Amino acid sequence: MKLLMLLPNFILIAISGFNISNEVSSEGANNLAVIVLHTSVLLMCTVFVALIIKSMFQVVEIEENILEAQ
């Protein structure tokens, strides 16, 4: 289930990377706001992917209380 949570993040990473590469390679004046916006989206999605992957391998110990019949 958590793998499905990664899919939108990977799509956003690909789109922002594509937009950054187009903005940097364009011959006109580079718009700094667009580069900063897409870089921040890239960084946020990378952090979210790291947190999702970390939570997939995190083991949480659950203590179960067993009621004894008297």
PDB file of N, CA and C in Angstrom:
ATOM      1  N   MET A   1       0.818  -1.193   0.000  1.00  0.00           N
ATOM      2  CA  MET A   1       0.000   0.000   0.000  1.00  0.00           C
ATOM      3  C   MET A   1       0.865   1.261   0.000  1.00  0.00           C
ATOM      4  N   LYS A   2       1.972   1.184   0.739  1.00  0.00           N
ATOM      5  CA  LYS A   2       2.838   2.358   0.803  1.00  0.00           C
ATOM      6  C   LYS A   2       3.564   2.588  -0.513  1.00  0.00           C
ATOM      7  N   LEU A   3       3.699   1.541  -1.316  1.00  0.00           N
ATOM      8  CA  LEU A   3       4.329   1.720  -2.624  1.00  0.00           C
ATOM      9  C   LEU A   3       3.478   2.619  -3.519  1.00  0.00           C
ATOM     10  N   LEU A   4       2.160   2.566  -3.344  1.00  0.00           N
ATOM     11  CA  LEU A   4       1.285   3.446  -4.120  1.00  0.00           C
ATOM     12  C   LEU A   4       1.449   4.905  -3.708  1.00  0.00           C
ATOM     13  N   MET A   5       1.881   5.134  -2.470  1.00  0.00           N
ATOM     14  CA  MET A   5       2.116   6.508  -2.015  1.00  0.00           C
ATOM     15  C   MET A   5       3.358   7.105  -2.671  1.00  0.00           C
ATOM     16  N   LEU A   6       4.259   6.251  -3.140  1.00  0.00           N
ATOM     17  CA  LEU A   6       5.473   6.733  -3.783  1.00  0.00           C
ATOM     18  C   LEU A   6       5.229   7.215  -5.205  1.00  0.00           C
ATOM     19  N   LEU A   7       4.227   6.665  -5.858  1.00  0.00           N
ATOM     20  CA  LEU A   7       3.986   6.965  -7.271  1.00  0.00           C
ATOM     21  C   LEU A   7       3.761   8.455  -7.553  1.00  0.00           C
ATOM     22  N   PRO A   8       2.871   9.162  -6.836  1.00  0.00           N
ATOM     23  CA  PRO A   8       2.702  10.598  -7.120  1.00  0.00           C
ATOM     24  C   PRO A   8       3.969  11.405  -6.855  1.00  0.00           C
ATOM     25  N   ASN A   9       4.753  10.990  -5.858  1.00  0.00           N
ATOM     26  CA  ASN A   9       5.995  11.702  -5.573  1.00  0.00           C
ATOM     27  C   ASN A   9       6.993  11.535  -6.707  1.00  0.00           C
ATOM     28  N   PHE A  10       7.106  10.317  -7.255  1.00  0.00           N
ATOM     29  CA  PHE A  10       8.018  10.102  -8.372  1.00  0.00           C
ATOM     30  C   PHE A  10       7.564  10.874  -9.610  1.00  0.00           C
ATOM     31  N   ILE A  11       6.260  10.980  -9.808  1.00  0.00           N
ATOM     32  CA  ILE A  11       5.750  11.753 -10.945  1.00  0.00           C
ATOM     33  C   ILE A  11       6.088  13.231 -10.775  1.00  0.00           C
ATOM     34  N   LEU A  12       5.893  13.760  -9.559  1.00  0.00           N
ATOM     35  CA  LEU A  12       6.233  15.171  -9.310  1.00  0.00           C
ATOM     36  C   LEU A  12       7.729  15.430  -9.431  1.00  0.00           C
ATOM     37  N   ILE A  13       8.562  14.469  -9.010  1.00  0.00           N
ATOM     38  CA  ILE A  13      10.010  14.605  -9.153  1.00  0.00           C
ATOM     39  C   ILE A  13      10.382  14.661 -10.624  1.00  0.00           C
ATOM     40  N   ALA A  14       9.763  13.794 -11.441  1.00  0.00           N
ATOM     41  CA  ALA A  14      10.068  13.787 -12.873  1.00  0.00           C
ATOM     42  C   ALA A  14       9.629  15.085 -13.546  1.00  0.00           C
ATOM     43  N   ILE A  15       8.445  15.572 -13.200  1.00  0.00           N
ATOM     44  CA  ILE A  15       7.937  16.807 -13.815  1.00  0.00           C
ATOM     45  C   ILE A  15       8.795  18.004 -13.422  1.00  0.00           C
ATOM     46  N   SER A  16       9.136  18.110 -12.139  1.00  0.00           N
ATOM     47  CA  SER A  16       9.938  19.259 -11.715  1.00  0.00           C
ATOM     48  C   SER A  16      11.356  19.183 -12.275  1.00  0.00           C
ATOM     49  N   GLY A  17      11.921  17.989 -12.372  1.00  0.00           N
ATOM     50  CA  GLY A  17      13.242  17.854 -12.982  1.00  0.00           C
ATOM     51  C   GLY A  17      13.224  18.226 -14.452  1.00  0.00           C
ATOM     52  N   PHE A  18      12.161  17.818 -15.145  1.00  0.00           N
ATOM     53  CA  PHE A  18      12.017  18.167 -16.561  1.00  0.00           C
ATOM     54  C   PHE A  18      11.887  19.681 -16.735  1.00  0.00           C
ATOM     55  N   ASN A  19      11.085  20.315 -15.894  1.00  0.00           N
ATOM     56  CA  ASN A  19      10.905  21.766 -15.985  1.00  0.00           C
ATOM     57  C   ASN A  19      12.177  22.532 -15.636  1.00  0.00           C
ATOM     58  N   ILE A  20      12.930  22.037 -14.656  1.00  0.00           N
ATOM     59  CA  ILE A  20      14.205  22.689 -14.322  1.00  0.00           C
ATOM     60  C   ILE A  20      15.172  22.574 -15.490  1.00  0.00           C
ATOM     61  N   SER A  21      15.249  21.382 -16.088  1.00  0.00           N
ATOM     62  CA  SER A  21      16.191  21.216 -17.205  1.00  0.00           C
ATOM     63  C   SER A  21      15.796  22.077 -18.402  1.00  0.00           C
ATOM     64  N   ASN A  22      14.495  22.225 -18.659  1.00  0.00           N
ATOM     65  CA  ASN A  22      14.057  23.100 -19.753  1.00  0.00           C
ATOM     66  C   ASN A  22      14.351  24.559 -19.452  1.00  0.00           C
ATOM     67  N   GLU A  23      14.181  24.960 -18.216  1.00  0.00           N
ATOM     68  CA  GLU A  23      14.412  26.364 -17.852  1.00  0.00           C
ATOM     69  C   GLU A  23      15.904  26.707 -17.925  1.00  0.00           C
ATOM     70  N   VAL A  24      16.749  25.786 -17.470  1.00  0.00           N
ATOM     71  CA  VAL A  24      18.184  26.046 -17.471  1.00  0.00           C
ATOM     72  C   VAL A  24      18.745  26.015 -18.893  1.00  0.00           C
ATOM     73  N   SER A  25      18.235  25.102 -19.735  1.00  0.00           N
ATOM     74  CA  SER A  25      18.777  24.967 -21.086  1.00  0.00           C
ATOM     75  C   SER A  25      18.194  25.981 -22.075  1.00  0.00           C
ATOM     76  N   SER A  26      17.189  26.738 -21.656  1.00  0.00           N
ATOM     77  CA  SER A  26      16.610  27.728 -22.566  1.00  0.00           C
ATOM     78  C   SER A  26      17.602  28.855 -22.806  1.00  0.00           C
ATOM     79  N   GLU A  27      17.558  29.393 -23.997  1.00  0.00           N
ATOM     80  CA  GLU A  27      18.522  30.426 -24.364  1.00  0.00           C
ATOM     81  C   GLU A  27      18.123  31.798 -23.847  1.00  0.00           C
ATOM     82  N   GLY A  28      16.872  31.974 -23.502  1.00  0.00           N
ATOM     83  CA  GLY A  28      16.405  33.266 -22.993  1.00  0.00           C
ATOM     84  C   GLY A  28      16.829  33.464 -21.550  1.00  0.00           C
ATOM     85  N   ALA A  29      16.289  34.497 -20.957  1.00  0.00           N
ATOM     86  CA  ALA A  29      16.588  34.787 -19.558  1.00  0.00           C
ATOM     87  C   ALA A  29      15.928  33.729 -18.672  1.00  0.00           C
ATOM     88  N   ASN A  30      16.707  33.189 -17.751  1.00  0.00           N
ATOM     89  CA  ASN A  30      16.165  32.194 -16.835  1.00  0.00           C
ATOM     90  C   ASN A  30      15.357  32.889 -15.742  1.00  0.00           C
ATOM     91  N   ASN A  31      14.185  32.378 -15.491  1.00  0.00           N
ATOM     92  CA  ASN A  31      13.331  32.933 -14.455  1.00  0.00           C
ATOM     93  C   ASN A  31      13.706  32.283 -13.131  1.00  0.00           C
ATOM     94  N   LEU A  32      14.263  33.053 -12.209  1.00  0.00           N
ATOM     95  CA  LEU A  32      14.750  32.531 -10.944  1.00  0.00           C
ATOM     96  C   LEU A  32      13.619  31.952 -10.095  1.00  0.00           C
ATOM     97  N   ALA A  33      12.457  32.569 -10.141  1.00  0.00           N
ATOM     98  CA  ALA A  33      11.322  32.095  -9.343  1.00  0.00           C
ATOM     99  C   ALA A  33      10.898  30.696  -9.771  1.00  0.00           C
ATOM    100  N   VAL A  34      10.912  30.425 -11.073  1.00  0.00           N
ATOM    101  CA  VAL A  34      10.523  29.100 -11.567  1.00  0.00           C
ATOM    102  C   VAL A  34      11.534  28.055 -11.121  1.00  0.00           C
ATOM    103  N   ILE A  35      12.811  28.405 -11.186  1.00  0.00           N
ATOM    104  CA  ILE A  35      13.851  27.462 -10.775  1.00  0.00           C
ATOM    105  C   ILE A  35      13.763  27.178  -9.283  1.00  0.00           C
ATOM    106  N   VAL A  36      13.547  28.203  -8.478  1.00  0.00           N
ATOM    107  CA  VAL A  36      13.428  28.018  -7.024  1.00  0.00           C
ATOM    108  C   VAL A  36      12.186  27.202  -6.691  1.00  0.00           C
ATOM    109  N   LEU A  37      11.071  27.468  -7.359  1.00  0.00           N
ATOM    110  CA  LEU A  37       9.835  26.729  -7.115  1.00  0.00           C
ATOM    111  C   LEU A  37      10.009  25.247  -7.414  1.00  0.00           C
ATOM    112  N   HIS A  38      10.562  24.922  -8.581  1.00  0.00           N
ATOM    113  CA  HIS A  38      10.706  23.516  -8.955  1.00  0.00           C
ATOM    114  C   HIS A  38      11.779  22.821  -8.125  1.00  0.00           C
ATOM    115  N   THR A  39      12.800  23.549  -7.712  1.00  0.00           N
ATOM    116  CA  THR A  39      13.810  22.957  -6.833  1.00  0.00           C
ATOM    117  C   THR A  39      13.219  22.640  -5.464  1.00  0.00           C
ATOM    118  N   SER A  40      12.372  23.513  -4.946  1.00  0.00           N
ATOM    119  CA  SER A  40      11.734  23.238  -3.654  1.00  0.00           C
ATOM    120  C   SER A  40      10.770  22.065  -3.751  1.00  0.00           C
ATOM    121  N   VAL A  41      10.039  21.948  -4.856  1.00  0.00           N
ATOM    122  CA  VAL A  41       9.159  20.785  -5.058  1.00  0.00           C
ATOM    123  C   VAL A  41       9.983  19.513  -5.138  1.00  0.00           C
ATOM    124  N   LEU A  42      11.119  19.581  -5.829  1.00  0.00           N
ATOM    125  CA  LEU A  42      12.006  18.436  -5.950  1.00  0.00           C
ATOM    126  C   LEU A  42      12.531  18.001  -4.588  1.00  0.00           C
ATOM    127  N   LEU A  43      12.942  18.956  -3.774  1.00  0.00           N
ATOM    128  CA  LEU A  43      13.457  18.628  -2.445  1.00  0.00           C
ATOM    129  C   LEU A  43      12.369  18.081  -1.521  1.00  0.00           C
ATOM    130  N   MET A  44      11.177  18.680  -1.553  1.00  0.00           N
ATOM    131  CA  MET A  44      10.084  18.196  -0.700  1.00  0.00           C
ATOM    132  C   MET A  44       9.690  16.777  -1.065  1.00  0.00           C
ATOM    133  N   CYS A  45       9.574  16.493  -2.357  1.00  0.00           N
ATOM    134  CA  CYS A  45       9.191  15.148  -2.782  1.00  0.00           C
ATOM    135  C   CYS A  45      10.266  14.130  -2.430  1.00  0.00           C
ATOM    136  N   THR A  46      11.526  14.535  -2.512  1.00  0.00           N
ATOM    137  CA  THR A  46      12.606  13.629  -2.131  1.00  0.00           C
ATOM    138  C   THR A  46      12.548  13.315  -0.637  1.00  0.00           C
ATOM    139  N   VAL A  47      12.249  14.320   0.180  1.00  0.00           N
ATOM    140  CA  VAL A  47      12.104  14.088   1.617  1.00  0.00           C
ATOM    141  C   VAL A  47      10.914  13.173   1.896  1.00  0.00           C
ATOM    142  N   PHE A  48       9.795  13.397   1.208  1.00  0.00           N
ATOM    143  CA  PHE A  48       8.624  12.550   1.409  1.00  0.00           C
ATOM    144  C   PHE A  48       8.905  11.108   1.009  1.00  0.00           C
ATOM    145  N   VAL A  49       9.617  10.906  -0.097  1.00  0.00           N
ATOM    146  CA  VAL A  49       9.967   9.545  -0.525  1.00  0.00           C
ATOM    147  C   VAL A  49      10.855   8.887   0.525  1.00  0.00           C
ATOM    148  N   ALA A  50      11.821   9.636   1.048  1.00  0.00           N
ATOM    149  CA  ALA A  50      12.705   9.078   2.079  1.00  0.00           C
ATOM    150  C   ALA A  50      11.928   8.702   3.336  1.00  0.00           C
ATOM    151  N   LEU A  51      10.981   9.535   3.736  1.00  0.00           N
ATOM    152  CA  LEU A  51      10.183   9.223   4.925  1.00  0.00           C
ATOM    153  C   LEU A  51       9.266   8.027   4.706  1.00  0.00           C
ATOM    154  N   ILE A  52       8.705   7.901   3.512  1.00  0.00           N
ATOM    155  CA  ILE A  52       7.839   6.755   3.217  1.00  0.00           C
ATOM    156  C   ILE A  52       8.650   5.471   3.208  1.00  0.00           C
ATOM    157  N   ILE A  53       9.832   5.503   2.593  1.00  0.00           N
ATOM    158  CA  ILE A  53      10.672   4.306   2.560  1.00  0.00           C
ATOM    159  C   ILE A  53      11.158   3.956   3.969  1.00  0.00           C
ATOM    160  N   LYS A  54      11.485   4.963   4.774  1.00  0.00           N
ATOM    161  CA  LYS A  54      11.900   4.718   6.152  1.00  0.00           C
ATOM    162  C   LYS A  54      10.773   4.069   6.949  1.00  0.00           C
ATOM    163  N   SER A  55       9.548   4.513   6.737  1.00  0.00           N
ATOM    164  CA  SER A  55       8.425   3.943   7.484  1.00  0.00           C
ATOM    165  C   SER A  55       8.101   2.518   7.033  1.00  0.00           C
ATOM    166  N   MET A  56       8.517   2.159   5.820  1.00  0.00           N
ATOM    167  CA  MET A  56       8.279   0.790   5.364  1.00  0.00           C
ATOM    168  C   MET A  56       9.153  -0.205   6.107  1.00  0.00           C
ATOM    169  N   PHE A  57      10.336   0.216   6.539  1.00  0.00           N
ATOM    170  CA  PHE A  57      11.270  -0.691   7.197  1.00  0.00           C
ATOM    171  C   PHE A  57      11.316  -0.506   8.701  1.00  0.00           C
ATOM    172  N   GLN A  58      10.513   0.380   9.225  1.00  0.00           N
ATOM    173  CA  GLN A  58      10.485   0.625  10.662  1.00  0.00           C
ATOM    174  C   GLN A  58       9.596  -0.420  11.324  1.00  0.00           C
ATOM    175  N   VAL A  59      10.117  -1.064  12.369  1.00  0.00           N
ATOM    176  CA  VAL A  59       9.378  -2.094  13.086  1.00  0.00           C
ATOM    177  C   VAL A  59       8.858  -1.478  14.376  1.00  0.00           C
ATOM    178  N   VAL A  60       7.566  -1.582  14.572  1.00  0.00           N
ATOM    179  CA  VAL A  60       6.948  -1.053  15.780  1.00  0.00           C
ATOM    180  C   VAL A  60       6.510  -2.237  16.639  1.00  0.00           C
ATOM    181  N   GLU A  61       6.957  -2.239  17.861  1.00  0.00           N
ATOM    182  CA  GLU A  61       6.606  -3.326  18.768  1.00  0.00           C
ATOM    183  C   GLU A  61       5.259  -3.035  19.407  1.00  0.00           C
ATOM    184  N   ILE A  62       4.358  -3.972  19.278  1.00  0.00           N
ATOM    185  CA  ILE A  62       3.010  -3.817  19.831  1.00  0.00           C
ATOM    186  C   ILE A  62       2.846  -4.827  20.957  1.00  0.00           C
ATOM    187  N   GLU A  63       2.472  -4.315  22.101  1.00  0.00           N
ATOM    188  CA  GLU A  63       2.277  -5.194  23.247  1.00  0.00           C
ATOM    189  C   GLU A  63       0.806  -5.571  23.332  1.00  0.00           C
ATOM    190  N   GLU A  64       0.565  -6.868  23.387  1.00  0.00           N
ATOM    191  CA  GLU A  64      -0.812  -7.353  23.463  1.00  0.00           C
ATOM    192  C   GLU A  64      -1.100  -7.811  24.887  1.00  0.00           C
ATOM    193  N   ASN A  65      -2.218  -7.355  25.395  1.00  0.00           N
ATOM    194  CA  ASN A  65      -2.656  -7.782  26.726  1.00  0.00           C
ATOM    195  C   ASN A  65      -3.584  -8.970  26.567  1.00  0.00           C
ATOM    196  N   ILE A  66      -3.213 -10.064  27.175  1.00  0.00           N
ATOM    197  CA  ILE A  66      -4.028 -11.272  27.103  1.00  0.00           C
ATOM    198  C   ILE A  66      -4.809 -11.409  28.410  1.00  0.00           C
ATOM    199  N   LEU A  67      -6.116 -11.439  28.255  1.00  0.00           N
ATOM    200  CA  LEU A  67      -6.973 -11.599  29.433  1.00  0.00           C
ATOM    201  C   LEU A  67      -7.059 -13.076  29.774  1.00  0.00           C
ATOM    202  N   GLU A  68      -6.740 -13.393  31.032  1.00  0.00           N
ATOM    203  CA  GLU A  68      -6.787 -14.773  31.473  1.00  0.00           C
ATOM    204  C   GLU A  68      -8.163 -15.074  32.053  1.00  0.00           C
ATOM    205  N   ALA A  69      -8.682 -16.203  31.660  1.00  0.00           N
ATOM    206  CA  ALA A  69      -9.996 -16.621  32.193  1.00  0.00           C
ATOM    207  C   ALA A  69      -9.809 -17.138  33.606  1.00  0.00           C
ATOM    208  N   GLN A  70     -10.673 -16.705  34.500  1.00  0.00           N
ATOM    209  CA  GLN A  70     -10.560 -17.143  35.899  1.00  0.00           C
ATOM    210  C   GLN A  70     -11.597 -18.165  36.229  1.00  0.00           C
TER     211      GLN A  70
END
